[in-house]
């Protein structure tokens, strides 16, 4: 379970939070305008690993993992690797937790 925040820290979190941009045309008074809001795709982190490992990124990765496991939705824009890491953790962590409970239960029963 401790590997998930580390994987998000190194590969899963984008360099910056994608900021939505709104574009449209200004029209005369009394006419309806057309506006569209687009959010750019997350940008993969680049550079050496020591540059990526910061307390801010670790804290953000930890928040994403906790929200993902506890509330089932992180609501965070992640890179492709981060999305797959989050999906794998949603499957693997409850299974590992259940196996740990069964192992403790079998030790206590004896």
Protein backbone atom coordinates (compact mmCIF):
# COMPACT_ATOMS: atom_id res chain seq x y z
CA UNK A 1 0.00 0.00 0.00
CA UNK A 2 2.94 2.32 0.58
CA UNK A 3 4.06 1.83 -3.03
CA UNK A 4 0.99 3.58 -4.45
CA UNK A 5 1.75 7.11 -3.17
CA UNK A 6 5.37 6.64 -4.27
CA UNK A 7 4.30 5.61 -7.78
CA UNK A 8 1.97 8.60 -8.00
CA UNK A 9 4.73 10.85 -6.73
CA UNK A 10 7.18 9.73 -9.41
CA UNK A 11 4.96 9.13 -12.46
CA UNK A 12 1.28 9.72 -11.74
CA UNK A 13 0.93 13.38 -10.87
CA UNK A 14 1.17 15.90 -13.70
CA UNK A 15 3.77 18.65 -13.66
CA UNK A 16 1.12 21.33 -13.04
CA UNK A 17 -2.59 21.16 -12.46
CA UNK A 18 -4.31 21.56 -15.84
CA UNK A 19 -6.16 24.85 -15.79
CA UNK A 20 -9.42 25.10 -17.73
CA UNK A 21 -9.55 27.82 -20.37
CA UNK A 22 -12.72 29.41 -21.67
CA UNK A 23 -12.90 30.75 -25.21
CA UNK A 24 -15.68 32.37 -27.14
CA UNK A 25 -16.83 35.39 -29.07
CA UNK A 26 -18.05 38.61 -27.63
CA UNK A 27 -21.26 39.63 -29.32
CA UNK A 28 -23.40 42.71 -29.30
CA UNK A 29 -25.65 43.48 -26.35
CA UNK A 30 -28.79 41.36 -26.35
CA UNK A 31 -27.32 38.53 -28.43
CA UNK A 32 -26.28 35.17 -27.09
CA UNK A 33 -22.60 34.32 -27.01
CA UNK A 34 -21.01 30.95 -27.56
CA UNK A 35 -18.46 29.88 -24.96
CA UNK A 36 -16.50 26.66 -24.65
CA UNK A 37 -14.37 25.54 -21.74
CA UNK A 38 -11.55 23.08 -22.36
CA UNK A 39 -9.18 21.47 -19.90
CA UNK A 40 -5.80 20.50 -21.38
CA UNK A 41 -4.46 16.98 -20.92
CA UNK A 42 -2.12 16.47 -17.95
CA UNK A 43 1.58 16.76 -18.78
CA UNK A 44 3.84 13.89 -17.73
CA UNK A 45 6.62 14.83 -15.31
CA UNK A 46 10.10 15.06 -16.75
CA UNK A 47 13.53 15.43 -15.24
CA UNK A 48 15.47 13.44 -12.70
CA UNK A 49 13.71 11.60 -9.89
CA UNK A 50 15.20 13.77 -7.12
CA UNK A 51 13.59 16.81 -8.75
CA UNK A 52 10.18 15.13 -8.66
CA UNK A 53 10.36 14.07 -5.01
CA UNK A 54 9.11 17.05 -3.05
CA UNK A 55 6.95 17.31 0.03
CA UNK A 56 4.21 19.05 -1.97
CA UNK A 57 4.02 16.23 -4.52
CA UNK A 58 4.18 13.58 -1.78
CA UNK A 59 1.33 15.23 0.12
CA UNK A 60 -0.73 15.54 -3.05
CA UNK A 61 -0.09 11.90 -3.97
CA UNK A 62 -1.09 10.80 -0.47
CA UNK A 63 -4.33 12.80 -0.70
CA UNK A 64 -5.14 11.25 -4.09
CA UNK A 65 -4.56 7.72 -2.76
CA UNK A 66 -6.62 8.25 0.39
CA UNK A 67 -9.48 9.83 -1.57
CA UNK A 68 -9.32 7.02 -4.10
CA UNK A 69 -9.41 4.22 -1.55
CA UNK A 70 -11.76 5.70 1.04
CA UNK A 71 -14.16 7.72 -1.10
CA UNK A 72 -13.73 5.78 -4.37
CA UNK A 73 -13.02 8.89 -6.41
CA UNK A 74 -9.99 11.11 -6.27
CA UNK A 75 -11.37 13.66 -8.72
CA UNK A 76 -7.80 14.50 -9.66
CA UNK A 77 -6.42 14.89 -13.17
CA UNK A 78 -3.68 12.27 -13.37
CA UNK A 79 -1.30 11.21 -16.09
CA UNK A 80 -1.95 7.92 -17.89
CA UNK A 81 0.43 6.10 -15.55
CA UNK A 82 -1.29 7.70 -12.57
CA UNK A 83 -4.72 6.60 -13.75
CA UNK A 84 -3.57 3.00 -14.14
CA UNK A 85 -1.82 3.13 -10.76
CA UNK A 86 -5.04 4.34 -9.14
CA UNK A 87 -7.08 1.59 -10.80
CA UNK A 88 -4.58 -1.09 -9.76
CA UNK A 89 -4.56 0.16 -6.18
CA UNK A 90 -8.36 0.06 -6.06
CA UNK A 91 -8.20 -3.62 -6.92
CA UNK A 92 -5.10 -4.75 -5.06
CA UNK A 93 -5.28 -2.88 -1.77
CA UNK A 94 -8.66 -4.24 -0.57
CA UNK A 95 -7.59 -7.75 -1.57
CA UNK A 96 -4.31 -7.43 0.35
CA UNK A 97 -6.14 -5.97 3.35
CA UNK A 98 -8.59 -8.90 3.32
CA UNK A 99 -5.75 -11.41 3.13
CA UNK A 100 -4.03 -9.70 6.06
CA UNK A 101 -7.24 -9.93 8.13
CA UNK A 102 -7.56 -13.63 7.30
CA UNK A 103 -3.92 -14.25 8.25
CA UNK A 104 -4.38 -12.50 11.60
CA UNK A 105 -7.64 -14.38 12.18
CA UNK A 106 -5.98 -17.76 11.57
CA UNK A 107 -3.19 -16.86 14.02
CA UNK A 108 -5.65 -15.78 16.70
CA UNK A 109 -7.86 -18.88 16.36
CA UNK A 110 -4.94 -21.23 17.03
